[in-house]
Amino acid sequence: LVPSLARVERWQRRLRDAGRRDVVVGARAGAWAPC
């Protein structure tokens, strides 16, 4: 979880570039994302 949608996008890019496909990134509502 990160505080803002802008940071969600940045973390998604970093994780994708690092080959991490097993991380769900979200802001407040992301606490309810399936994992």
PDB file of all heavy atoms in Angstrom:
ATOM      1  N   LEU A   1       0.838  -1.197   0.000  1.00  0.00           N
ATOM      2  CA  LEU A   1       0.000   0.000   0.000  1.00  0.00           C
ATOM      3  C   LEU A   1       0.869   1.242   0.000  1.00  0.00           C
ATOM      4  O   LEU A   1       1.872   1.319   0.721  1.00  0.00           O
ATOM      5  CB  LEU A   1      -0.914   0.027   1.230  1.00  0.00           C
ATOM      6  CG  LEU A   1      -1.932  -1.111   1.383  1.00  0.00           C
ATOM      7  CD1 LEU A   1      -2.855  -0.820   2.558  1.00  0.00           C
ATOM      8  CD2 LEU A   1      -2.731  -1.320   0.111  1.00  0.00           C
ATOM      9  N   VAL A   2       0.485   2.227  -0.817  1.00  0.00           N
ATOM     10  CA  VAL A   2       1.162   3.523  -0.880  1.00  0.00           C
ATOM     11  C   VAL A   2       0.092   4.603  -0.772  1.00  0.00           C
ATOM     12  O   VAL A   2      -1.086   4.355  -1.053  1.00  0.00           O
ATOM     13  CB  VAL A   2       1.984   3.672  -2.173  1.00  0.00           C
ATOM     14  CG1 VAL A   2       3.093   2.638  -2.231  1.00  0.00           C
ATOM     15  CG2 VAL A   2       1.097   3.555  -3.404  1.00  0.00           C
ATOM     16  N   PRO A   3       0.462   5.837  -0.383  1.00  0.00           N
ATOM     17  CA  PRO A   3      -0.571   6.829  -0.060  1.00  0.00           C
ATOM     18  C   PRO A   3      -1.315   7.442  -1.237  1.00  0.00           C
ATOM     19  O   PRO A   3      -2.367   8.028  -1.040  1.00  0.00           O
ATOM     20  CB  PRO A   3       0.212   7.917   0.694  1.00  0.00           C
ATOM     21  CG  PRO A   3       1.509   7.318   1.064  1.00  0.00           C
ATOM     22  CD  PRO A   3       1.799   6.291   0.028  1.00  0.00           C
ATOM     23  N   SER A   4      -0.783   7.391  -2.472  1.00  0.00           N
ATOM     24  CA  SER A   4      -1.423   8.104  -3.574  1.00  0.00           C
ATOM     25  C   SER A   4      -1.402   7.276  -4.850  1.00  0.00           C
ATOM     26  O   SER A   4      -0.563   6.390  -5.021  1.00  0.00           O
ATOM     27  CB  SER A   4      -0.713   9.436  -3.825  1.00  0.00           C
ATOM     28  OG  SER A   4       0.601   9.217  -4.320  1.00  0.00           O
ATOM     29  N   LEU A   5      -2.322   7.597  -5.764  1.00  0.00           N
ATOM     30  CA  LEU A   5      -2.385   6.888  -7.032  1.00  0.00           C
ATOM     31  C   LEU A   5      -1.155   7.153  -7.888  1.00  0.00           C
ATOM     32  O   LEU A   5      -0.702   6.277  -8.639  1.00  0.00           O
ATOM     33  CB  LEU A   5      -3.650   7.302  -7.789  1.00  0.00           C
ATOM     34  CG  LEU A   5      -4.978   6.866  -7.156  1.00  0.00           C
ATOM     35  CD1 LEU A   5      -6.147   7.415  -7.950  1.00  0.00           C
ATOM     36  CD2 LEU A   5      -5.058   5.354  -7.064  1.00  0.00           C
ATOM     37  N   ALA A   6      -0.584   8.368  -7.784  1.00  0.00           N
ATOM     38  CA  ALA A   6       0.637   8.670  -8.540  1.00  0.00           C
ATOM     39  C   ALA A   6       1.774   7.751  -8.111  1.00  0.00           C
ATOM     40  O   ALA A   6       2.545   7.254  -8.939  1.00  0.00           O
ATOM     41  CB  ALA A   6       1.022  10.131  -8.352  1.00  0.00           C
ATOM     42  N   ARG A   7       1.876   7.500  -6.807  1.00  0.00           N
ATOM     43  CA  ARG A   7       2.926   6.609  -6.318  1.00  0.00           C
ATOM     44  C   ARG A   7       2.618   5.148  -6.652  1.00  0.00           C
ATOM     45  O   ARG A   7       3.534   4.343  -6.812  1.00  0.00           O
ATOM     46  CB  ARG A   7       3.122   6.805  -4.810  1.00  0.00           C
ATOM     47  CG  ARG A   7       3.731   8.166  -4.471  1.00  0.00           C
ATOM     48  CD  ARG A   7       3.900   8.358  -2.983  1.00  0.00           C
ATOM     49  NE  ARG A   7       4.934   7.495  -2.424  1.00  0.00           N
ATOM     50  CZ  ARG A   7       5.261   7.473  -1.134  1.00  0.00           C
ATOM     51  NH1 ARG A   7       4.615   8.262  -0.283  1.00  0.00           N
ATOM     52  NH2 ARG A   7       6.205   6.667  -0.698  1.00  0.00           N
ATOM     53  N   VAL A   8       1.341   4.806  -6.774  1.00  0.00           N
ATOM     54  CA  VAL A   8       0.988   3.460  -7.223  1.00  0.00           C
ATOM     55  C   VAL A   8       1.597   3.199  -8.596  1.00  0.00           C
ATOM     56  O   VAL A   8       2.229   2.164  -8.839  1.00  0.00           O
ATOM     57  CB  VAL A   8      -0.545   3.283  -7.281  1.00  0.00           C
ATOM     58  CG1 VAL A   8      -0.914   2.008  -8.037  1.00  0.00           C
ATOM     59  CG2 VAL A   8      -1.137   3.230  -5.875  1.00  0.00           C
ATOM     60  N   GLU A   9       1.431   4.148  -9.508  1.00  0.00           N
ATOM     61  CA  GLU A   9       1.956   3.982 -10.865  1.00  0.00           C
ATOM     62  C   GLU A   9       3.474   3.871 -10.867  1.00  0.00           C
ATOM     63  O   GLU A   9       4.041   3.044 -11.597  1.00  0.00           O
ATOM     64  CB  GLU A   9       1.504   5.157 -11.730  1.00  0.00           C
ATOM     65  CG  GLU A   9      -0.008   5.200 -11.938  1.00  0.00           C
ATOM     66  CD  GLU A   9      -0.441   6.424 -12.709  1.00  0.00           C
ATOM     67  OE1 GLU A   9       0.435   7.251 -13.064  1.00  0.00           O
ATOM     68  OE2 GLU A   9      -1.657   6.561 -12.967  1.00  0.00           O
ATOM     69  N   ARG A  10       4.130   4.701 -10.055  1.00  0.00           N
ATOM     70  CA  ARG A  10       5.603   4.646 -10.009  1.00  0.00           C
ATOM     71  C   ARG A  10       6.075   3.300  -9.469  1.00  0.00           C
ATOM     72  O   ARG A  10       7.039   2.706  -9.989  1.00  0.00           O
ATOM     73  CB  ARG A  10       6.150   5.796  -9.156  1.00  0.00           C
ATOM     74  CG  ARG A  10       5.980   7.168  -9.776  1.00  0.00           C
ATOM     75  CD  ARG A  10       6.885   8.198  -9.142  1.00  0.00           C
ATOM     76  NE  ARG A  10       6.563   8.444  -7.755  1.00  0.00           N
ATOM     77  CZ  ARG A  10       5.713   9.375  -7.340  1.00  0.00           C
ATOM     78  NH1 ARG A  10       5.066  10.131  -8.222  1.00  0.00           N
ATOM     79  NH2 ARG A  10       5.472   9.567  -6.059  1.00  0.00           N
ATOM     80  N   TRP A  11       5.434   2.797  -8.425  1.00  0.00           N
ATOM     81  CA  TRP A  11       5.847   1.514  -7.854  1.00  0.00           C
ATOM     82  C   TRP A  11       5.531   0.354  -8.791  1.00  0.00           C
ATOM     83  O   TRP A  11       6.286  -0.620  -8.860  1.00  0.00           O
ATOM     84  CB  TRP A  11       5.196   1.312  -6.483  1.00  0.00           C
ATOM     85  CG  TRP A  11       5.999   1.956  -5.398  1.00  0.00           C
ATOM     86  CD1 TRP A  11       5.863   3.215  -4.917  1.00  0.00           C
ATOM     87  CD2 TRP A  11       7.092   1.361  -4.703  1.00  0.00           C
ATOM     88  NE1 TRP A  11       6.803   3.456  -3.947  1.00  0.00           N
ATOM     89  CE2 TRP A  11       7.569   2.337  -3.783  1.00  0.00           C
ATOM     90  CE3 TRP A  11       7.707   0.120  -4.743  1.00  0.00           C
ATOM     91  CZ2 TRP A  11       8.643   2.086  -2.927  1.00  0.00           C
ATOM     92  CZ3 TRP A  11       8.775  -0.130  -3.881  1.00  0.00           C
ATOM     93  CH2 TRP A  11       9.232   0.846  -2.994  1.00  0.00           C
ATOM     94  N   GLN A  12       4.447   0.451  -9.511  1.00  0.00           N
ATOM     95  CA  GLN A  12       4.143  -0.596 -10.487  1.00  0.00           C
ATOM     96  C   GLN A  12       5.219  -0.677 -11.563  1.00  0.00           C
ATOM     97  O   GLN A  12       5.629  -1.777 -11.967  1.00  0.00           O
ATOM     98  CB  GLN A  12       2.770  -0.336 -11.123  1.00  0.00           C
ATOM     99  CG  GLN A  12       1.600  -0.668 -10.200  1.00  0.00           C
ATOM    100  CD  GLN A  12       0.263  -0.302 -10.806  1.00  0.00           C
ATOM    101  OE1 GLN A  12       0.167   0.594 -11.649  1.00  0.00           O
ATOM    102  NE2 GLN A  12      -0.788  -0.982 -10.380  1.00  0.00           N
ATOM    103  N   ARG A  13       5.691   0.479 -12.023  1.00  0.00           N
ATOM    104  CA  ARG A  13       6.765   0.490 -13.032  1.00  0.00           C
ATOM    105  C   ARG A  13       8.045  -0.109 -12.471  1.00  0.00           C
ATOM    106  O   ARG A  13       8.711  -0.913 -13.146  1.00  0.00           O
ATOM    107  CB  ARG A  13       7.017   1.917 -13.518  1.00  0.00           C
ATOM    108  CG  ARG A  13       5.941   2.476 -14.436  1.00  0.00           C
ATOM    109  CD  ARG A  13       6.427   3.707 -15.164  1.00  0.00           C
ATOM    110  NE  ARG A  13       6.782   4.783 -14.243  1.00  0.00           N
ATOM    111  CZ  ARG A  13       5.939   5.716 -13.834  1.00  0.00           C
ATOM    112  NH1 ARG A  13       4.676   5.709 -14.247  1.00  0.00           N
ATOM    113  NH2 ARG A  13       6.335   6.674 -13.011  1.00  0.00           N
ATOM    114  N   ARG A  14       8.417   0.278 -11.250  1.00  0.00           N
ATOM    115  CA  ARG A  14       9.653  -0.237 -10.654  1.00  0.00           C
ATOM    116  C   ARG A  14       9.583  -1.753 -10.455  1.00  0.00           C
ATOM    117  O   ARG A  14      10.553  -2.472 -10.720  1.00  0.00           O
ATOM    118  CB  ARG A  14       9.938   0.454  -9.318  1.00  0.00           C
ATOM    119  CG  ARG A  14      10.251   1.929  -9.425  1.00  0.00           C
ATOM    120  CD  ARG A  14      10.616   2.533  -8.087  1.00  0.00           C
ATOM    121  NE  ARG A  14      11.966   2.171  -7.673  1.00  0.00           N
ATOM    122  CZ  ARG A  14      12.566   2.665  -6.597  1.00  0.00           C
ATOM    123  NH1 ARG A  14      11.924   3.530  -5.812  1.00  0.00           N
ATOM    124  NH2 ARG A  14      13.792   2.298  -6.278  1.00  0.00           N
ATOM    125  N   LEU A  15       8.450  -2.220  -9.985  1.00  0.00           N
ATOM    126  CA  LEU A  15       8.297  -3.662  -9.756  1.00  0.00           C
ATOM    127  C   LEU A  15       8.303  -4.434 -11.074  1.00  0.00           C
ATOM    128  O   LEU A  15       8.894  -5.511 -11.173  1.00  0.00           O
ATOM    129  CB  LEU A  15       7.002  -3.921  -8.994  1.00  0.00           C
ATOM    130  CG  LEU A  15       6.993  -3.471  -7.526  1.00  0.00           C
ATOM    131  CD1 LEU A  15       5.575  -3.384  -6.997  1.00  0.00           C
ATOM    132  CD2 LEU A  15       7.834  -4.422  -6.671  1.00  0.00           C
ATOM    133  N   ARG A  16       7.654  -3.861 -12.086  1.00  0.00           N
ATOM    134  CA  ARG A  16       7.643  -4.514 -13.389  1.00  0.00           C
ATOM    135  C   ARG A  16       9.060  -4.590 -13.973  1.00  0.00           C
ATOM    136  O   ARG A  16       9.469  -5.619 -14.512  1.00  0.00           O
ATOM    137  CB  ARG A  16       6.713  -3.751 -14.324  1.00  0.00           C
ATOM    138  CG  ARG A  16       6.478  -4.432 -15.669  1.00  0.00           C
ATOM    139  CD  ARG A  16       5.328  -3.803 -16.420  1.00  0.00           C
ATOM    140  NE  ARG A  16       5.465  -2.364 -16.562  1.00  0.00           N
ATOM    141  CZ  ARG A  16       4.686  -1.477 -15.955  1.00  0.00           C
ATOM    142  NH1 ARG A  16       3.718  -1.874 -15.151  1.00  0.00           N
ATOM    143  NH2 ARG A  16       4.867  -0.185 -16.145  1.00  0.00           N
ATOM    144  N   ASP A  17       9.816  -3.493 -13.852  1.00  0.00           N
ATOM    145  CA  ASP A  17      11.189  -3.473 -14.362  1.00  0.00           C
ATOM    146  C   ASP A  17      12.080  -4.450 -13.600  1.00  0.00           C
ATOM    147  O   ASP A  17      13.052  -4.976 -14.161  1.00  0.00           O
ATOM    148  CB  ASP A  17      11.773  -2.058 -14.257  1.00  0.00           C
ATOM    149  CG  ASP A  17      11.085  -1.076 -15.191  1.00  0.00           C
ATOM    150  OD1 ASP A  17      10.386  -1.537 -16.118  1.00  0.00           O
ATOM    151  OD2 ASP A  17      11.220   0.142 -14.977  1.00  0.00           O
ATOM    152  N   ALA A  18      11.752  -4.700 -12.325  1.00  0.00           N
ATOM    153  CA  ALA A  18      12.545  -5.630 -11.516  1.00  0.00           C
ATOM    154  C   ALA A  18      12.083  -7.075 -11.683  1.00  0.00           C
ATOM    155  O   ALA A  18      12.648  -7.988 -11.058  1.00  0.00           O
ATOM    156  CB  ALA A  18      12.474  -5.238 -10.046  1.00  0.00           C
ATOM    157  N   GLY A  19      11.062  -7.282 -12.496  1.00  0.00           N
ATOM    158  CA  GLY A  19      10.574  -8.640 -12.725  1.00  0.00           C
ATOM    159  C   GLY A  19       9.700  -9.183 -11.617  1.00  0.00           C
ATOM    160  O   GLY A  19       9.455 -10.399 -11.561  1.00  0.00           O
ATOM    161  N   ARG A  20       9.197  -8.305 -10.722  1.00  0.00           N
ATOM    162  CA  ARG A  20       8.332  -8.765  -9.642  1.00  0.00           C
ATOM    163  C   ARG A  20       6.876  -8.706 -10.085  1.00  0.00           C
ATOM    164  O   ARG A  20       6.290  -7.630 -10.195  1.00  0.00           O
ATOM    165  CB  ARG A  20       8.538  -7.905  -8.387  1.00  0.00           C
ATOM    166  CG  ARG A  20       9.864  -8.104  -7.685  1.00  0.00           C
ATOM    167  CD  ARG A  20      10.041  -9.539  -7.157  1.00  0.00           C
ATOM    168  NE  ARG A  20       9.021  -9.936  -6.211  1.00  0.00           N
ATOM    169  CZ  ARG A  20       9.148  -9.821  -4.888  1.00  0.00           C
ATOM    170  NH1 ARG A  20      10.261  -9.336  -4.376  1.00  0.00           N
ATOM    171  NH2 ARG A  20       8.176 -10.217  -4.099  1.00  0.00           N
ATOM    172  N   ARG A  21       6.309  -9.870 -10.375  1.00  0.00           N
ATOM    173  CA  ARG A  21       4.927  -9.953 -10.820  1.00  0.00           C
ATOM    174  C   ARG A  21       4.000 -10.447  -9.712  1.00  0.00           C
ATOM    175  O   ARG A  21       2.813 -10.676  -9.956  1.00  0.00           O
ATOM    176  CB  ARG A  21       4.822 -10.909 -12.019  1.00  0.00           C
ATOM    177  CG  ARG A  21       5.761 -10.576 -13.160  1.00  0.00           C
ATOM    178  CD  ARG A  21       5.363  -9.306 -13.868  1.00  0.00           C
ATOM    179  NE  ARG A  21       6.244  -8.991 -14.975  1.00  0.00           N
ATOM    180  CZ  ARG A  21       6.117  -7.931 -15.765  1.00  0.00           C
ATOM    181  NH1 ARG A  21       5.122  -7.095 -15.550  1.00  0.00           N
ATOM    182  NH2 ARG A  21       6.972  -7.696 -16.743  1.00  0.00           N
ATOM    183  N   ASP A  22       4.546 -10.639  -8.528  1.00  0.00           N
ATOM    184  CA  ASP A  22       3.752 -11.215  -7.440  1.00  0.00           C
ATOM    185  C   ASP A  22       3.435 -10.188  -6.363  1.00  0.00           C
ATOM    186  O   ASP A  22       3.214 -10.533  -5.208  1.00  0.00           O
ATOM    187  CB  ASP A  22       4.484 -12.411  -6.824  1.00  0.00           C
ATOM    188  CG  ASP A  22       5.854 -12.023  -6.297  1.00  0.00           C
ATOM    189  OD1 ASP A  22       6.306 -10.899  -6.579  1.00  0.00           O
ATOM    190  OD2 ASP A  22       6.476 -12.852  -5.611  1.00  0.00           O
ATOM    191  N   VAL A  23       3.413  -8.886  -6.740  1.00  0.00           N
ATOM    192  CA  VAL A  23       3.124  -7.820  -5.782  1.00  0.00           C
ATOM    193  C   VAL A  23       1.913  -7.027  -6.272  1.00  0.00           C
ATOM    194  O   VAL A  23       1.894  -6.540  -7.402  1.00  0.00           O
ATOM    195  CB  VAL A  23       4.329  -6.875  -5.594  1.00  0.00           C
ATOM    196  CG1 VAL A  23       3.977  -5.764  -4.599  1.00  0.00           C
ATOM    197  CG2 VAL A  23       5.553  -7.647  -5.122  1.00  0.00           C
ATOM    198  N   VAL A  24       0.896  -6.918  -5.435  1.00  0.00           N
ATOM    199  CA  VAL A  24      -0.271  -6.081  -5.712  1.00  0.00           C
ATOM    200  C   VAL A  24      -0.026  -4.725  -5.066  1.00  0.00           C
ATOM    201  O   VAL A  24       0.216  -4.647  -3.860  1.00  0.00           O
ATOM    202  CB  VAL A  24      -1.554  -6.713  -5.147  1.00  0.00           C
ATOM    203  CG1 VAL A  24      -2.744  -5.787  -5.358  1.00  0.00           C
ATOM    204  CG2 VAL A  24      -1.821  -8.052  -5.803  1.00  0.00           C
ATOM    205  N   VAL A  25      -0.096  -3.651  -5.872  1.00  0.00           N
ATOM    206  CA  VAL A  25       0.143  -2.299  -5.369  1.00  0.00           C
ATOM    207  C   VAL A  25      -1.161  -1.520  -5.429  1.00  0.00           C
ATOM    208  O   VAL A  25      -1.853  -1.520  -6.448  1.00  0.00           O
ATOM    209  CB  VAL A  25       1.216  -1.568  -6.188  1.00  0.00           C
ATOM    210  CG1 VAL A  25       1.558  -0.219  -5.535  1.00  0.00           C
ATOM    211  CG2 VAL A  25       2.454  -2.417  -6.331  1.00  0.00           C
ATOM    212  N   GLY A  26      -1.506  -0.848  -4.354  1.00  0.00           N
ATOM    213  CA  GLY A  26      -2.719  -0.039  -4.340  1.00  0.00           C
ATOM    214  C   GLY A  26      -2.628   1.086  -3.332  1.00  0.00           C
ATOM    215  O   GLY A  26      -1.719   1.110  -2.495  1.00  0.00           O
ATOM    216  N   ALA A  27      -3.544   2.030  -3.439  1.00  0.00           N
ATOM    217  CA  ALA A  27      -3.654   3.100  -2.450  1.00  0.00           C
ATOM    218  C   ALA A  27      -4.613   2.637  -1.352  1.00  0.00           C
ATOM    219  O   ALA A  27      -4.644   1.453  -1.028  1.00  0.00           O
ATOM    220  CB  ALA A  27      -4.126   4.383  -3.132  1.00  0.00           C
ATOM    221  N   ARG A  28      -5.410   3.544  -0.802  1.00  0.00           N
ATOM    222  CA  ARG A  28      -6.258   3.156   0.341  1.00  0.00           C
ATOM    223  C   ARG A  28      -7.166   1.973   0.006  1.00  0.00           C
ATOM    224  O   ARG A  28      -7.221   0.988   0.740  1.00  0.00           O
ATOM    225  CB  ARG A  28      -7.098   4.353   0.782  1.00  0.00           C
ATOM    226  CG  ARG A  28      -8.039   4.034   1.938  1.00  0.00           C
ATOM    227  CD  ARG A  28      -8.754   5.278   2.430  1.00  0.00           C
ATOM    228  NE  ARG A  28      -9.569   5.863   1.394  1.00  0.00           N
ATOM    229  CZ  ARG A  28      -9.656   7.164   1.156  1.00  0.00           C
ATOM    230  NH1 ARG A  28      -8.961   8.013   1.872  1.00  0.00           N
ATOM    231  NH2 ARG A  28     -10.423   7.629   0.194  1.00  0.00           N
ATOM    232  N   ALA A  29      -7.886   2.036  -1.125  1.00  0.00           N
ATOM    233  CA  ALA A  29      -8.801   0.955  -1.486  1.00  0.00           C
ATOM    234  C   ALA A  29      -8.066  -0.334  -1.795  1.00  0.00           C
ATOM    235  O   ALA A  29      -8.658  -1.420  -1.738  1.00  0.00           O
ATOM    236  CB  ALA A  29      -9.651   1.375  -2.688  1.00  0.00           C
ATOM    237  N   GLY A  30      -6.756  -0.243  -2.088  1.00  0.00           N
ATOM    238  CA  GLY A  30      -5.970  -1.436  -2.378  1.00  0.00           C
ATOM    239  C   GLY A  30      -5.878  -2.396  -1.211  1.00  0.00           C
ATOM    240  O   GLY A  30      -5.500  -3.559  -1.390  1.00  0.00           O
ATOM    241  N   ALA A  31      -6.230  -1.943  -0.020  1.00  0.00           N
ATOM    242  CA  ALA A  31      -6.253  -2.845   1.141  1.00  0.00           C
ATOM    243  C   ALA A  31      -7.243  -3.979   0.934  1.00  0.00           C
ATOM    244  O   ALA A  31      -7.155  -5.012   1.592  1.00  0.00           O
ATOM    245  CB  ALA A  31      -6.606  -2.070   2.407  1.00  0.00           C
ATOM    246  N   TRP A  32      -8.184  -3.800  -0.019  1.00  0.00           N
ATOM    247  CA  TRP A  32      -9.203  -4.810  -0.300  1.00  0.00           C
ATOM    248  C   TRP A  32      -8.934  -5.525  -1.614  1.00  0.00           C
ATOM    249  O   TRP A  32      -9.812  -6.230  -2.123  1.00  0.00           O
ATOM    250  CB  TRP A  32     -10.585  -4.152  -0.332  1.00  0.00           C
ATOM    251  CG  TRP A  32     -10.984  -3.663   1.015  1.00  0.00           C
ATOM    252  CD1 TRP A  32     -10.757  -2.433   1.554  1.00  0.00           C
ATOM    253  CD2 TRP A  32     -11.652  -4.409   2.019  1.00  0.00           C
ATOM    254  NE1 TRP A  32     -11.249  -2.357   2.828  1.00  0.00           N
ATOM    255  CE2 TRP A  32     -11.810  -3.568   3.144  1.00  0.00           C
ATOM    256  CE3 TRP A  32     -12.148  -5.711   2.087  1.00  0.00           C
ATOM    257  CZ2 TRP A  32     -12.431  -3.986   4.316  1.00  0.00           C
ATOM    258  CZ3 TRP A  32     -12.771  -6.128   3.246  1.00  0.00           C
ATOM    259  CH2 TRP A  32     -12.917  -5.273   4.345  1.00  0.00           C
ATOM    260  N   ALA A  33      -7.733  -5.381  -2.169  1.00  0.00           N
ATOM    261  CA  ALA A  33      -7.404  -6.062  -3.419  1.00  0.00           C
ATOM    262  C   ALA A  33      -7.142  -7.543  -3.161  1.00  0.00           C
ATOM    263  O   ALA A  33      -6.547  -7.907  -2.142  1.00  0.00           O
ATOM    264  CB  ALA A  33      -6.173  -5.423  -4.051  1.00  0.00           C
ATOM    265  N   PRO A  34      -7.562  -8.419  -4.061  1.00  0.00           N
ATOM    266  CA  PRO A  34      -7.279  -9.848  -3.888  1.00  0.00           C
ATOM    267  C   PRO A  34      -5.797 -10.130  -4.040  1.00  0.00           C
ATOM    268  O   PRO A  34      -5.123  -9.537  -4.886  1.00  0.00           O
ATOM    269  CB  PRO A  34      -8.092 -10.513  -5.011  1.00  0.00           C
ATOM    270  CG  PRO A  34      -8.256  -9.452  -6.040  1.00  0.00           C
ATOM    271  CD  PRO A  34      -8.341  -8.156  -5.286  1.00  0.00           C
ATOM    272  N   CYS A  35      -5.284 -11.008  -3.198  1.00  0.00           N
ATOM    273  CA  CYS A  35      -3.871 -11.393  -3.249  1.00  0.00           C
ATOM    274  C   CYS A  35      -3.780 -12.863  -2.845  1.00  0.00           C
ATOM    275  O   CYS A  35      -3.466 -13.186  -1.694  1.00  0.00           O
ATOM    276  CB  CYS A  35      -3.036 -10.505  -2.328  1.00  0.00           C
ATOM    277  SG  CYS A  35      -1.251 -10.763  -2.444  1.00  0.00           S
TER     278      CYS A  35
END
